[in-house]
Every structure is written in C-alpha cells, then in structure tokens.
Amino acid sequence: MTTVQPTAGSARAHKIRDFAIRNAAVVVILIVIAIFGFANENFFTTGNLLDILRSIVVSALLALAVTFSLVVNGFDVSIGSVTSLSTIVAASLMIDFRMETPVAILVPILCGVAVGLVNGFLIVKLGLPDLLATLAMLFLVSGVQRTITAGKSVTATPESGVITPSFSFIGRGVVFGIPVPVILLAVVGVLAYLFLNKTTTGRYMYLVGGNEEAARHMGLPVGRLRVLAYVISGALAALGGIVLTARIGSGQIEAGAPLLMDAVAAAYVGYALFGQKKPSVVGTLVGAVLIGVLLNGLTMMKFPYYAQDIVKGGVFIMALAFTFVRSKRQ
C-alpha cells in the first residue's frame, strides 16, 4: 500500500487556507472598517474614532464581565441587571442621600460583588447550571432595582442632591484629548489581560474552564476559582453601571438590559479571533470595537436604526462561522 505524500504546493495551499480561516474574523472587521471609511470621509477622523471608543466603553466592560465567566466554562447573563442596579444605586446615593463620589463608586461595586457571590453560591454549592442560576439572578436583581425606586428613574430635582462633578468626570471627562472612560477601559483591559494570562490564578481559571475534572485531580480549588470568576464579573458589570451613570447624569431603570446582547456578542467574537477558540480579553475588546464600528458606520450612512441589528447579526455570523467550520474539519 502506497502513501501519497503531500506536495509542496498542496502543503502551501493548506497553510494559506488555515491562515485565512484562523484570521477570518479579523479580516471581516477590517473589511467592515474599510467599507465605512470609503463610504464616509468623516469616518476616519480623530473625533469620530474617539466617539466610537467612548460609545463602547460600557458594553466592553460588560463583555469583559462575560469573558471572566466564560473562562471557567460558565455563562453570566445577570450582568445587564447588575449594571442597571449599579446605575440606580450610584445615582440614589448622590441625589437622594447626598453622598460623595467615593461612596457612590464603592457601594455599587460592592453590590456587584455581592451578586457575584450569590451566583457563585448557587452554581458551586447548590449545583445549579450557570445559565439558569444567573438568569434567576437577572430577574431578582431587576426586581430589586425597580422596587427601591418604585419603578422610577433617579433624576436630580431642585430640592434633591446632584451628581457630583467629580463623579461626572468619570463619564464625561477628557485627559490630554482622550475621554476618561476610554482611559478607564484601557486600564481595566490591561489589568484583566495581565490577571488572566500572567498570574497563576488566571492560568488556573483557564484550566478549570478547559477541563474541570482534570483541574480537580490536580488539586486546584475549582469551586473558589469559579466563584472568583463570578465575583469579578459582577464587579465589572457594576463598574459599567458607574460609567453609564456618570455619562447620562441620572439613574435609569433597566439601563443595562439593552447592553447584554452586545456584550455577549463581543465576548464570543473573541473566540473567533486568530482561531484560538477560547475566551480572551484582547478578543473581547476587539469584538466590542466591531460593535461600535458597525453602529457608528451604519448611523453615518443613515441606515435605518430598526434594521441595524440585521447587519450586525450578519457580520457576527460571518466572523464566527469560520471558527466552527474549522473545528469540524479538524
């Protein structure tokens, strides 16, 4: 029986095809950016690019929250309601109780941490599936934020307190021409990347997500690592709520709910980048940028807002499909 050896040409073709599939998501993103750039001469202006980055900060923070749960092979859908609760709590502390900025930052983050701990308890101790546990928390937290405000948004009045200028600076400030929210996202992104890729705890979390049973045999504290992932997820979602409150200057009911799907999409686009097929901070941030580019470009092209999700969904399908096509071929 003879074995057919691959020729140099076929080997080269295979490498080119493999490279194209591995980087297909990046190619799709670059094509989309190029189309918008040619369609509108103002797209590549510094001001517009900064507007895109500013617009994605909150959804990117939520996407990073999702990423941490994905790292341990979980899925946190409660982040939207945590963000909503954070906006309500932060605004209420300043407007209703006249608290200062440090308190208005710390308490919402602690609320996010508390939700993460409850999620971890339900998943690790009670053994509930991640999706069901966090879905239950989504409804619970959503009900809490509606109850404490009687279903009304929290806005300043002549008789009440106000959103402090130092707090507003988080969402509206500019340093050396760069929006403060963009700087904050960059700092959080770098810290998240270093934590997951350069620390022992972060690497252990990836091990838990890759093979939980093997991680247990290695003696890793699987339960604590999974709880930690949900705690970080809750804290990041709460931080997103703080930035949102600082930007809009009030606490809006269910303000974080519409951001959930964009956050999930951005996190899963990270799977497709470079064919790595695992959640990553870099991939998630690139996915968030793609969302911002799509929305900004479609708006500049005067594409109907009610049809924008069709285009966005189509691009995500193209970006993600290559990953699954490649996995089936292997």
C-alpha atoms as a PDB file:
ATOM      1  CA  MET A   1       0.000   0.000   0.000  1.00  0.00           C
ATOM      2  CA  THR A   2       1.480   3.325  -1.046  1.00  0.00           C
ATOM      3  CA  THR A   3       1.109   6.541   0.896  1.00  0.00           C
ATOM      4  CA  VAL A   4       0.599   9.724  -1.058  1.00  0.00           C
ATOM      5  CA  GLN A   5       2.934  12.391   0.234  1.00  0.00           C
ATOM      6  CA  PRO A   6       1.630  15.959   0.128  1.00  0.00           C
ATOM      7  CA  THR A   7       3.389  18.094  -2.446  1.00  0.00           C
ATOM      8  CA  ALA A   8       4.993  21.410  -1.597  1.00  0.00           C
ATOM      9  CA  GLY A   9       2.194  23.191  -3.460  1.00  0.00           C
ATOM     10  CA  SER A  10      -0.606  21.424  -1.568  1.00  0.00           C
ATOM     11  CA  ALA A  11       1.138  21.987   1.760  1.00  0.00           C
ATOM     12  CA  ARG A  12       1.494  25.680   0.968  1.00  0.00           C
ATOM     13  CA  ALA A  13      -2.170  25.881  -0.067  1.00  0.00           C
ATOM     14  CA  HIS A  14      -3.176  24.185   3.165  1.00  0.00           C
ATOM     15  CA  LYS A  15      -1.163  26.690   5.211  1.00  0.00           C
ATOM     16  CA  ILE A  16      -2.690  29.626   3.350  1.00  0.00           C
ATOM     17  CA  ARG A  17      -6.198  28.251   3.836  1.00  0.00           C
ATOM     18  CA  ASP A  18      -5.534  27.587   7.515  1.00  0.00           C
ATOM     19  CA  PHE A  19      -4.154  31.103   7.984  1.00  0.00           C
ATOM     20  CA  ALA A  20      -7.197  32.602   6.239  1.00  0.00           C
ATOM     21  CA  ILE A  21      -9.620  30.645   8.421  1.00  0.00           C
ATOM     22  CA  ARG A  22      -7.756  31.458  11.634  1.00  0.00           C
ATOM     23  CA  ASN A  23      -7.814  35.174  10.866  1.00  0.00           C
ATOM     24  CA  ALA A  24     -11.192  35.357   9.146  1.00  0.00           C
ATOM     25  CA  ALA A  25     -12.788  37.344  11.965  1.00  0.00           C
ATOM     26  CA  VAL A  26     -10.054  39.968  11.781  1.00  0.00           C
ATOM     27  CA  VAL A  27     -10.456  40.143   8.002  1.00  0.00           C
ATOM     28  CA  VAL A  28     -14.208  40.676   8.355  1.00  0.00           C
ATOM     29  CA  ILE A  29     -13.593  43.502  10.818  1.00  0.00           C
ATOM     30  CA  LEU A  30     -11.069  45.180   8.515  1.00  0.00           C
ATOM     31  CA  ILE A  31     -13.424  44.878   5.547  1.00  0.00           C
ATOM     32  CA  VAL A  32     -16.258  46.479   7.501  1.00  0.00           C
ATOM     33  CA  ILE A  33     -13.997  49.346   8.600  1.00  0.00           C
ATOM     34  CA  ALA A  34     -12.768  49.850   5.027  1.00  0.00           C
ATOM     35  CA  ILE A  35     -16.320  49.968   3.651  1.00  0.00           C
ATOM     36  CA  PHE A  36     -17.381  52.620   6.141  1.00  0.00           C
ATOM     37  CA  GLY A  37     -14.170  54.578   5.542  1.00  0.00           C
ATOM     38  CA  PHE A  38     -14.778  54.725   1.785  1.00  0.00           C
ATOM     39  CA  ALA A  39     -18.481  55.470   2.223  1.00  0.00           C
ATOM     40  CA  ASN A  40     -17.948  58.465   4.512  1.00  0.00           C
ATOM     41  CA  GLU A  41     -14.887  60.691   4.529  1.00  0.00           C
ATOM     42  CA  ASN A  42     -15.510  61.671   8.154  1.00  0.00           C
ATOM     43  CA  PHE A  43     -15.323  58.089   9.416  1.00  0.00           C
ATOM     44  CA  PHE A  44     -11.546  58.055   9.952  1.00  0.00           C
ATOM     45  CA  THR A  45     -11.379  61.440  11.670  1.00  0.00           C
ATOM     46  CA  THR A  46      -9.879  61.501  15.144  1.00  0.00           C
ATOM     47  CA  GLY A  47     -13.068  62.859  16.644  1.00  0.00           C
ATOM     48  CA  ASN A  48     -15.206  60.103  15.184  1.00  0.00           C
ATOM     49  CA  LEU A  49     -12.808  57.337  16.223  1.00  0.00           C
ATOM     50  CA  LEU A  50     -12.790  58.698  19.775  1.00  0.00           C
ATOM     51  CA  ASP A  51     -16.592  58.821  19.698  1.00  0.00           C
ATOM     52  CA  ILE A  52     -16.635  55.137  18.715  1.00  0.00           C
ATOM     53  CA  LEU A  53     -14.340  54.221  21.593  1.00  0.00           C
ATOM     54  CA  ARG A  54     -16.341  56.336  24.028  1.00  0.00           C
ATOM     55  CA  SER A  55     -19.583  54.701  22.921  1.00  0.00           C
ATOM     56  CA  ILE A  56     -18.357  51.141  23.505  1.00  0.00           C
ATOM     57  CA  VAL A  57     -16.890  51.574  26.990  1.00  0.00           C
ATOM     58  CA  VAL A  58     -19.905  50.355  28.960  1.00  0.00           C
ATOM     59  CA  SER A  59     -20.695  47.415  26.663  1.00  0.00           C
ATOM     60  CA  ALA A  60     -16.985  46.497  26.604  1.00  0.00           C
ATOM     61  CA  LEU A  61     -16.861  46.393  30.408  1.00  0.00           C
ATOM     62  CA  LEU A  62     -19.904  44.122  30.377  1.00  0.00           C
ATOM     63  CA  ALA A  63     -18.261  41.990  27.694  1.00  0.00           C
ATOM     64  CA  LEU A  64     -15.193  41.587  29.906  1.00  0.00           C
ATOM     65  CA  ALA A  65     -17.549  40.506  32.687  1.00  0.00           C
ATOM     66  CA  VAL A  66     -18.978  37.815  30.406  1.00  0.00           C
ATOM     67  CA  THR A  67     -15.448  36.797  29.423  1.00  0.00           C
ATOM     68  CA  PHE A  68     -14.463  36.007  33.007  1.00  0.00           C
ATOM     69  CA  SER A  69     -17.445  33.678  33.377  1.00  0.00           C
ATOM     70  CA  LEU A  70     -16.639  32.048  30.022  1.00  0.00           C
ATOM     71  CA  VAL A  71     -13.050  31.447  31.119  1.00  0.00           C
ATOM     72  CA  VAL A  72     -14.294  28.990  33.770  1.00  0.00           C
ATOM     73  CA  ASN A  73     -16.747  27.477  31.260  1.00  0.00           C
ATOM     74  CA  GLY A  74     -19.676  29.378  32.738  1.00  0.00           C
ATOM     75  CA  PHE A  75     -22.044  31.999  31.424  1.00  0.00           C
ATOM     76  CA  ASP A  76     -23.233  35.077  33.335  1.00  0.00           C
ATOM     77  CA  VAL A  77     -26.432  36.606  31.939  1.00  0.00           C
ATOM     78  CA  SER A  78     -27.118  38.633  35.095  1.00  0.00           C
ATOM     79  CA  ILE A  79     -24.624  41.368  34.140  1.00  0.00           C
ATOM     80  CA  GLY A  80     -27.228  43.588  32.465  1.00  0.00           C
ATOM     81  CA  SER A  81     -29.357  43.747  35.599  1.00  0.00           C
ATOM     82  CA  VAL A  82     -26.245  44.292  37.753  1.00  0.00           C
ATOM     83  CA  THR A  83     -25.358  47.282  35.590  1.00  0.00           C
ATOM     84  CA  SER A  84     -28.896  48.621  35.955  1.00  0.00           C
ATOM     85  CA  LEU A  85     -28.754  48.182  39.732  1.00  0.00           C
ATOM     86  CA  SER A  86     -25.393  49.941  39.815  1.00  0.00           C
ATOM     87  CA  THR A  87     -26.747  52.967  37.959  1.00  0.00           C
ATOM     88  CA  ILE A  88     -29.718  53.227  40.307  1.00  0.00           C
ATOM     89  CA  VAL A  89     -27.620  52.808  43.464  1.00  0.00           C
ATOM     90  CA  ALA A  90     -24.951  55.291  42.383  1.00  0.00           C
ATOM     91  CA  ALA A  91     -27.493  57.926  41.389  1.00  0.00           C
ATOM     92  CA  SER A  92     -29.608  57.385  44.518  1.00  0.00           C
ATOM     93  CA  LEU A  93     -26.617  57.749  46.829  1.00  0.00           C
ATOM     94  CA  MET A  94     -25.761  61.167  45.400  1.00  0.00           C
ATOM     95  CA  ILE A  95     -29.211  62.523  44.555  1.00  0.00           C
ATOM     96  CA  ASP A  96     -31.357  61.094  47.361  1.00  0.00           C
ATOM     97  CA  PHE A  97     -28.767  60.720  50.139  1.00  0.00           C
ATOM     98  CA  ARG A  98     -26.261  63.425  49.085  1.00  0.00           C
ATOM     99  CA  MET A  99     -23.269  61.101  49.337  1.00  0.00           C
ATOM    100  CA  GLU A 100     -19.885  61.948  47.827  1.00  0.00           C
ATOM    101  CA  THR A 101     -18.144  60.318  44.872  1.00  0.00           C
ATOM    102  CA  PRO A 102     -16.090  57.654  46.744  1.00  0.00           C
ATOM    103  CA  VAL A 103     -19.233  56.223  48.336  1.00  0.00           C
ATOM    104  CA  ALA A 104     -21.131  56.382  45.028  1.00  0.00           C
ATOM    105  CA  ILE A 105     -18.361  54.297  43.449  1.00  0.00           C
ATOM    106  CA  LEU A 106     -17.670  51.822  46.248  1.00  0.00           C
ATOM    107  CA  VAL A 107     -21.233  50.809  47.143  1.00  0.00           C
ATOM    108  CA  PRO A 108     -22.350  49.868  43.596  1.00  0.00           C
ATOM    109  CA  ILE A 109     -19.191  47.798  43.121  1.00  0.00           C
ATOM    110  CA  LEU A 110     -19.879  46.027  46.409  1.00  0.00           C
ATOM    111  CA  CYS A 111     -23.391  45.331  45.137  1.00  0.00           C
ATOM    112  CA  GLY A 112     -21.884  43.749  42.023  1.00  0.00           C
ATOM    113  CA  VAL A 113     -19.534  41.673  44.156  1.00  0.00           C
ATOM    114  CA  ALA A 114     -22.482  40.535  46.295  1.00  0.00           C
ATOM    115  CA  VAL A 115     -24.412  39.405  43.220  1.00  0.00           C
ATOM    116  CA  GLY A 116     -21.317  37.548  42.022  1.00  0.00           C
ATOM    117  CA  LEU A 117     -21.034  35.777  45.373  1.00  0.00           C
ATOM    118  CA  VAL A 118     -24.682  34.709  45.228  1.00  0.00           C
ATOM    119  CA  ASN A 119     -24.206  33.471  41.670  1.00  0.00           C
ATOM    120  CA  GLY A 120     -21.160  31.503  42.806  1.00  0.00           C
ATOM    121  CA  PHE A 121     -23.089  30.013  45.725  1.00  0.00           C
ATOM    122  CA  LEU A 122     -25.975  28.922  43.509  1.00  0.00           C
ATOM    123  CA  ILE A 123     -23.637  27.366  40.940  1.00  0.00           C
ATOM    124  CA  VAL A 124     -20.900  25.866  43.113  1.00  0.00           C
ATOM    125  CA  LYS A 125     -22.721  24.958  46.324  1.00  0.00           C
ATOM    126  CA  LEU A 126     -26.229  24.208  45.063  1.00  0.00           C
ATOM    127  CA  GLY A 127     -25.085  22.829  41.726  1.00  0.00           C
ATOM    128  CA  LEU A 128     -27.424  24.894  39.556  1.00  0.00           C
ATOM    129  CA  PRO A 129     -26.465  25.260  35.871  1.00  0.00           C
ATOM    130  CA  ASP A 130     -24.699  28.567  35.251  1.00  0.00           C
ATOM    131  CA  LEU A 131     -27.238  29.828  32.745  1.00  0.00           C
ATOM    132  CA  LEU A 132     -30.239  29.064  34.950  1.00  0.00           C
ATOM    133  CA  ALA A 133     -28.661  30.433  38.126  1.00  0.00           C
ATOM    134  CA  THR A 134     -27.613  33.725  36.560  1.00  0.00           C
ATOM    135  CA  LEU A 135     -30.942  34.003  34.720  1.00  0.00           C
ATOM    136  CA  ALA A 136     -32.708  33.733  38.078  1.00  0.00           C
ATOM    137  CA  MET A 137     -30.416  36.457  39.442  1.00  0.00           C
ATOM    138  CA  LEU A 138     -31.199  38.598  36.413  1.00  0.00           C
ATOM    139  CA  PHE A 139     -34.880  38.629  37.380  1.00  0.00           C
ATOM    140  CA  LEU A 140     -34.138  39.007  41.088  1.00  0.00           C
ATOM    141  CA  VAL A 141     -31.752  41.952  40.697  1.00  0.00           C
ATOM    142  CA  SER A 142     -34.024  43.573  38.132  1.00  0.00           C
ATOM    143  CA  GLY A 143     -36.871  43.382  40.620  1.00  0.00           C
ATOM    144  CA  VAL A 144     -34.712  44.847  43.396  1.00  0.00           C
ATOM    145  CA  GLN A 145     -33.676  47.885  41.367  1.00  0.00           C
ATOM    146  CA  ARG A 146     -37.286  48.520  40.376  1.00  0.00           C
ATOM    147  CA  THR A 147     -38.515  48.093  43.939  1.00  0.00           C
ATOM    148  CA  ILE A 148     -36.086  50.511  45.593  1.00  0.00           C
ATOM    149  CA  THR A 149     -37.115  53.246  43.153  1.00  0.00           C
ATOM    150  CA  ALA A 150     -40.805  52.323  42.859  1.00  0.00           C
ATOM    151  CA  GLY A 151     -40.214  51.753  39.167  1.00  0.00           C
ATOM    152  CA  LYS A 152     -38.993  55.308  38.532  1.00  0.00           C
ATOM    153  CA  SER A 153     -35.677  56.631  37.279  1.00  0.00           C
ATOM    154  CA  VAL A 154     -33.496  58.616  39.672  1.00  0.00           C
ATOM    155  CA  THR A 155     -33.018  62.186  38.477  1.00  0.00           C
ATOM    156  CA  ALA A 156     -31.946  65.359  40.223  1.00  0.00           C
ATOM    157  CA  THR A 157     -34.530  67.989  41.228  1.00  0.00           C
ATOM    158  CA  PRO A 158     -34.146  71.495  42.686  1.00  0.00           C
ATOM    159  CA  GLU A 159     -34.762  70.029  46.146  1.00  0.00           C
ATOM    160  CA  SER A 160     -32.503  67.000  45.887  1.00  0.00           C
ATOM    161  CA  GLY A 161     -28.788  66.414  45.693  1.00  0.00           C
ATOM    162  CA  VAL A 162     -26.932  66.270  42.386  1.00  0.00           C
ATOM    163  CA  ILE A 163     -24.496  64.079  40.509  1.00  0.00           C
ATOM    164  CA  THR A 164     -21.187  65.450  41.754  1.00  0.00           C
ATOM    165  CA  PRO A 165     -18.778  66.983  39.193  1.00  0.00           C
ATOM    166  CA  SER A 166     -16.011  64.560  40.206  1.00  0.00           C
ATOM    167  CA  PHE A 167     -18.357  61.636  39.538  1.00  0.00           C
ATOM    168  CA  SER A 168     -19.469  63.070  36.185  1.00  0.00           C
ATOM    169  CA  PHE A 169     -15.805  63.355  35.233  1.00  0.00           C
ATOM    170  CA  ILE A 170     -15.675  59.534  35.078  1.00  0.00           C
ATOM    171  CA  GLY A 171     -18.124  59.518  32.197  1.00  0.00           C
ATOM    172  CA  ARG A 172     -17.581  62.889  30.540  1.00  0.00           C
ATOM    173  CA  GLY A 173     -14.047  63.998  31.365  1.00  0.00           C
ATOM    174  CA  VAL A 174     -11.179  64.333  28.927  1.00  0.00           C
ATOM    175  CA  VAL A 175      -7.458  63.991  29.690  1.00  0.00           C
ATOM    176  CA  PHE A 176      -4.929  65.056  27.044  1.00  0.00           C
ATOM    177  CA  GLY A 177      -7.666  64.861  24.440  1.00  0.00           C
ATOM    178  CA  ILE A 178      -8.653  61.294  25.368  1.00  0.00           C
ATOM    179  CA  PRO A 179     -12.044  60.634  27.015  1.00  0.00           C
ATOM    180  CA  VAL A 180     -11.687  59.424  30.593  1.00  0.00           C
ATOM    181  CA  PRO A 181     -13.989  56.412  30.010  1.00  0.00           C
ATOM    182  CA  VAL A 182     -11.659  55.242  27.221  1.00  0.00           C
ATOM    183  CA  ILE A 183      -8.652  55.557  29.545  1.00  0.00           C
ATOM    184  CA  LEU A 184     -10.559  53.630  32.223  1.00  0.00           C
ATOM    185  CA  LEU A 185     -11.408  50.847  29.766  1.00  0.00           C
ATOM    186  CA  ALA A 186      -7.777  50.625  28.654  1.00  0.00           C
ATOM    187  CA  VAL A 187      -6.596  50.318  32.259  1.00  0.00           C
ATOM    188  CA  VAL A 188      -9.213  47.673  33.098  1.00  0.00           C
ATOM    189  CA  GLY A 189      -8.410  45.787  29.895  1.00  0.00           C
ATOM    190  CA  VAL A 190      -4.685  45.701  30.641  1.00  0.00           C
ATOM    191  CA  LEU A 191      -5.293  44.582  34.227  1.00  0.00           C
ATOM    192  CA  ALA A 192      -7.717  41.869  33.079  1.00  0.00           C
ATOM    193  CA  TYR A 193      -5.235  40.643  30.467  1.00  0.00           C
ATOM    194  CA  LEU A 194      -2.374  40.525  32.955  1.00  0.00           C
ATOM    195  CA  PHE A 195      -4.527  38.745  35.524  1.00  0.00           C
ATOM    196  CA  LEU A 196      -5.749  36.019  33.167  1.00  0.00           C
ATOM    197  CA  ASN A 197      -2.508  35.477  31.269  1.00  0.00           C
ATOM    198  CA  LYS A 198       0.316  36.346  33.637  1.00  0.00           C
ATOM    199  CA  THR A 199      -0.861  35.262  37.080  1.00  0.00           C
ATOM    200  CA  THR A 200      -1.120  31.757  38.496  1.00  0.00           C
ATOM    201  CA  THR A 201      -4.755  32.302  39.475  1.00  0.00           C
ATOM    202  CA  GLY A 202      -5.671  33.385  35.961  1.00  0.00           C
ATOM    203  CA  ARG A 203      -3.997  30.362  34.405  1.00  0.00           C
ATOM    204  CA  TYR A 204      -5.765  28.088  36.895  1.00  0.00           C
ATOM    205  CA  MET A 205      -9.089  29.638  35.870  1.00  0.00           C
ATOM    206  CA  TYR A 206      -8.346  28.727  32.237  1.00  0.00           C
ATOM    207  CA  LEU A 207      -7.516  25.185  33.372  1.00  0.00           C
ATOM    208  CA  VAL A 208     -10.845  24.943  35.173  1.00  0.00           C
ATOM    209  CA  GLY A 209     -12.660  26.099  32.056  1.00  0.00           C
ATOM    210  CA  GLY A 210     -10.726  23.740  29.796  1.00  0.00           C
ATOM    211  CA  ASN A 211     -11.145  20.574  31.853  1.00  0.00           C
ATOM    212  CA  GLU A 212     -12.752  20.874  35.262  1.00  0.00           C
ATOM    213  CA  GLU A 213     -12.258  17.219  36.165  1.00  0.00           C
ATOM    214  CA  ALA A 214      -8.549  17.369  35.344  1.00  0.00           C
ATOM    215  CA  ALA A 215      -8.277  20.568  37.397  1.00  0.00           C
ATOM    216  CA  ARG A 216      -9.787  18.739  40.371  1.00  0.00           C
ATOM    217  CA  HIS A 217      -7.292  15.889  40.013  1.00  0.00           C
ATOM    218  CA  MET A 218      -4.513  18.489  40.030  1.00  0.00           C
ATOM    219  CA  GLY A 219      -5.772  19.680  43.408  1.00  0.00           C
ATOM    220  CA  LEU A 220      -6.954  23.087  42.209  1.00  0.00           C
ATOM    221  CA  PRO A 221      -9.664  24.855  44.261  1.00  0.00           C
ATOM    222  CA  VAL A 222     -12.193  24.619  41.427  1.00  0.00           C
ATOM    223  CA  GLY A 223     -15.124  25.940  43.432  1.00  0.00           C
ATOM    224  CA  ARG A 224     -13.292  29.008  44.692  1.00  0.00           C
ATOM    225  CA  LEU A 225     -11.941  29.788  41.234  1.00  0.00           C
ATOM    226  CA  ARG A 226     -15.421  29.638  39.727  1.00  0.00           C
ATOM    227  CA  VAL A 227     -16.804  31.874  42.473  1.00  0.00           C
ATOM    228  CA  LEU A 228     -13.955  34.326  41.903  1.00  0.00           C
ATOM    229  CA  ALA A 229     -14.831  34.495  38.207  1.00  0.00           C
ATOM    230  CA  TYR A 230     -18.419  35.460  39.012  1.00  0.00           C
ATOM    231  CA  VAL A 231     -17.333  37.984  41.637  1.00  0.00           C
ATOM    232  CA  ILE A 232     -15.075  39.700  39.084  1.00  0.00           C
ATOM    233  CA  SER A 233     -17.889  39.532  36.551  1.00  0.00           C
ATOM    234  CA  GLY A 234     -20.268  41.270  38.958  1.00  0.00           C
ATOM    235  CA  ALA A 235     -17.703  43.949  39.835  1.00  0.00           C
ATOM    236  CA  LEU A 236     -17.014  44.725  36.161  1.00  0.00           C
ATOM    237  CA  ALA A 237     -20.735  44.930  35.389  1.00  0.00           C
ATOM    238  CA  ALA A 238     -21.169  47.331  38.312  1.00  0.00           C
ATOM    239  CA  LEU A 239     -18.264  49.429  37.040  1.00  0.00           C
ATOM    240  CA  GLY A 240     -20.048  49.641  33.703  1.00  0.00           C
ATOM    241  CA  GLY A 241     -23.097  50.985  35.536  1.00  0.00           C
ATOM    242  CA  ILE A 242     -20.989  53.626  37.254  1.00  0.00           C
ATOM    243  CA  VAL A 243     -19.593  54.844  33.935  1.00  0.00           C
ATOM    244  CA  LEU A 244     -23.086  54.880  32.436  1.00  0.00           C
ATOM    245  CA  THR A 245     -24.469  56.915  35.343  1.00  0.00           C
ATOM    246  CA  ALA A 246     -21.601  59.389  35.092  1.00  0.00           C
ATOM    247  CA  ARG A 247     -22.229  59.785  31.376  1.00  0.00           C
ATOM    248  CA  ILE A 248     -26.005  60.294  31.398  1.00  0.00           C
ATOM    249  CA  GLY A 249     -26.173  62.103  34.750  1.00  0.00           C
ATOM    250  CA  SER A 250     -29.028  60.053  36.217  1.00  0.00           C
ATOM    251  CA  GLY A 251     -30.067  56.549  37.196  1.00  0.00           C
ATOM    252  CA  GLN A 252     -32.250  54.981  34.513  1.00  0.00           C
ATOM    253  CA  ILE A 253     -34.373  51.904  35.142  1.00  0.00           C
ATOM    254  CA  GLU A 254     -33.096  48.846  33.209  1.00  0.00           C
ATOM    255  CA  ALA A 255     -30.341  50.946  31.634  1.00  0.00           C
ATOM    256  CA  GLY A 256     -28.044  47.932  31.359  1.00  0.00           C
ATOM    257  CA  ALA A 257     -30.536  45.459  29.890  1.00  0.00           C
ATOM    258  CA  PRO A 258     -30.120  46.500  26.221  1.00  0.00           C
ATOM    259  CA  LEU A 259     -26.339  46.119  26.533  1.00  0.00           C
ATOM    260  CA  LEU A 260     -26.413  42.425  27.447  1.00  0.00           C
ATOM    261  CA  MET A 261     -26.639  41.055  23.917  1.00  0.00           C
ATOM    262  CA  ASP A 262     -23.885  43.334  22.591  1.00  0.00           C
ATOM    263  CA  ALA A 263     -21.673  42.248  25.484  1.00  0.00           C
ATOM    264  CA  VAL A 264     -22.316  38.558  24.825  1.00  0.00           C
ATOM    265  CA  ALA A 265     -21.672  39.036  21.102  1.00  0.00           C
ATOM    266  CA  ALA A 266     -18.381  40.838  21.767  1.00  0.00           C
ATOM    267  CA  ALA A 267     -17.217  38.105  24.138  1.00  0.00           C
ATOM    268  CA  TYR A 268     -17.998  35.338  21.666  1.00  0.00           C
ATOM    269  CA  VAL A 269     -16.341  37.155  18.778  1.00  0.00           C
ATOM    270  CA  GLY A 270     -13.210  36.818  20.907  1.00  0.00           C
ATOM    271  CA  TYR A 271     -13.448  33.065  20.342  1.00  0.00           C
ATOM    272  CA  ALA A 272     -13.082  33.558  16.596  1.00  0.00           C
ATOM    273  CA  LEU A 273     -10.003  35.768  16.672  1.00  0.00           C
ATOM    274  CA  PHE A 274      -6.833  34.083  15.429  1.00  0.00           C
ATOM    275  CA  GLY A 275      -8.539  30.680  15.631  1.00  0.00           C
ATOM    276  CA  GLN A 276      -7.813  30.429  19.344  1.00  0.00           C
ATOM    277  CA  LYS A 277     -11.284  29.118  20.260  1.00  0.00           C
ATOM    278  CA  LYS A 278     -11.135  30.318  23.835  1.00  0.00           C
ATOM    279  CA  PRO A 279     -12.291  33.469  25.625  1.00  0.00           C
ATOM    280  CA  SER A 280      -9.714  36.230  25.746  1.00  0.00           C
ATOM    281  CA  VAL A 281      -9.519  39.843  26.857  1.00  0.00           C
ATOM    282  CA  VAL A 282      -7.993  41.011  23.572  1.00  0.00           C
ATOM    283  CA  GLY A 283     -10.604  39.183  21.513  1.00  0.00           C
ATOM    284  CA  THR A 284     -13.428  40.586  23.615  1.00  0.00           C
ATOM    285  CA  LEU A 285     -12.202  44.168  23.268  1.00  0.00           C
ATOM    286  CA  VAL A 286     -11.823  43.755  19.503  1.00  0.00           C
ATOM    287  CA  GLY A 287     -15.361  42.380  19.389  1.00  0.00           C
ATOM    288  CA  ALA A 288     -16.612  45.407  21.314  1.00  0.00           C
ATOM    289  CA  VAL A 289     -14.835  47.705  18.867  1.00  0.00           C
ATOM    290  CA  LEU A 290     -16.501  45.863  15.982  1.00  0.00           C
ATOM    291  CA  ILE A 291     -19.897  46.566  17.536  1.00  0.00           C
ATOM    292  CA  GLY A 292     -19.020  50.241  17.925  1.00  0.00           C
ATOM    293  CA  VAL A 293     -17.736  50.473  14.345  1.00  0.00           C
ATOM    294  CA  LEU A 294     -20.886  48.835  12.984  1.00  0.00           C
ATOM    295  CA  LEU A 295     -23.291  51.080  14.866  1.00  0.00           C
ATOM    296  CA  ASN A 296     -21.308  54.231  14.127  1.00  0.00           C
ATOM    297  CA  GLY A 297     -20.810  53.413  10.452  1.00  0.00           C
ATOM    298  CA  LEU A 298     -24.427  52.440   9.882  1.00  0.00           C
ATOM    299  CA  THR A 299     -25.577  55.632  11.584  1.00  0.00           C
ATOM    300  CA  MET A 300     -23.263  57.784   9.459  1.00  0.00           C
ATOM    301  CA  MET A 301     -24.630  56.039   6.348  1.00  0.00           C
ATOM    302  CA  LYS A 302     -28.154  56.896   7.584  1.00  0.00           C
ATOM    303  CA  PHE A 303     -29.094  53.234   7.737  1.00  0.00           C
ATOM    304  CA  PRO A 304     -32.492  52.816   9.484  1.00  0.00           C
ATOM    305  CA  TYR A 305     -31.929  52.194  13.181  1.00  0.00           C
ATOM    306  CA  TYR A 306     -34.607  49.500  13.271  1.00  0.00           C
ATOM    307  CA  ALA A 307     -32.696  47.420  10.714  1.00  0.00           C
ATOM    308  CA  GLN A 308     -29.194  47.826  12.133  1.00  0.00           C
ATOM    309  CA  ASP A 309     -29.385  44.589  14.108  1.00  0.00           C
ATOM    310  CA  ILE A 310     -29.822  42.673  10.834  1.00  0.00           C
ATOM    311  CA  VAL A 311     -26.471  43.885   9.524  1.00  0.00           C
ATOM    312  CA  LYS A 312     -24.810  43.451  12.913  1.00  0.00           C
ATOM    313  CA  GLY A 313     -26.070  39.884  13.210  1.00  0.00           C
ATOM    314  CA  GLY A 314     -24.932  39.058   9.682  1.00  0.00           C
ATOM    315  CA  VAL A 315     -21.405  40.291  10.323  1.00  0.00           C
ATOM    316  CA  PHE A 316     -21.199  38.320  13.564  1.00  0.00           C
ATOM    317  CA  ILE A 317     -22.329  35.173  11.755  1.00  0.00           C
ATOM    318  CA  MET A 318     -19.586  35.618   9.154  1.00  0.00           C
ATOM    319  CA  ALA A 319     -16.972  36.312  11.814  1.00  0.00           C
ATOM    320  CA  LEU A 320     -17.919  33.350  13.986  1.00  0.00           C
ATOM    321  CA  ALA A 321     -18.823  30.765  11.342  1.00  0.00           C
ATOM    322  CA  PHE A 322     -15.207  30.245  10.314  1.00  0.00           C
ATOM    323  CA  THR A 323     -14.332  29.081  13.800  1.00  0.00           C
ATOM    324  CA  PHE A 324     -16.953  26.325  13.770  1.00  0.00           C
ATOM    325  CA  VAL A 325     -16.198  25.369  10.171  1.00  0.00           C
ATOM    326  CA  ARG A 326     -12.559  24.960  11.101  1.00  0.00           C
ATOM    327  CA  SER A 327     -13.345  22.942  14.236  1.00  0.00           C
ATOM    328  CA  LYS A 328     -15.499  20.497  12.263  1.00  0.00           C
ATOM    329  CA  ARG A 329     -12.731  19.955   9.720  1.00  0.00           C
ATOM    330  CA  GLN A 330     -10.161  19.099  12.376  1.00  0.00           C
END
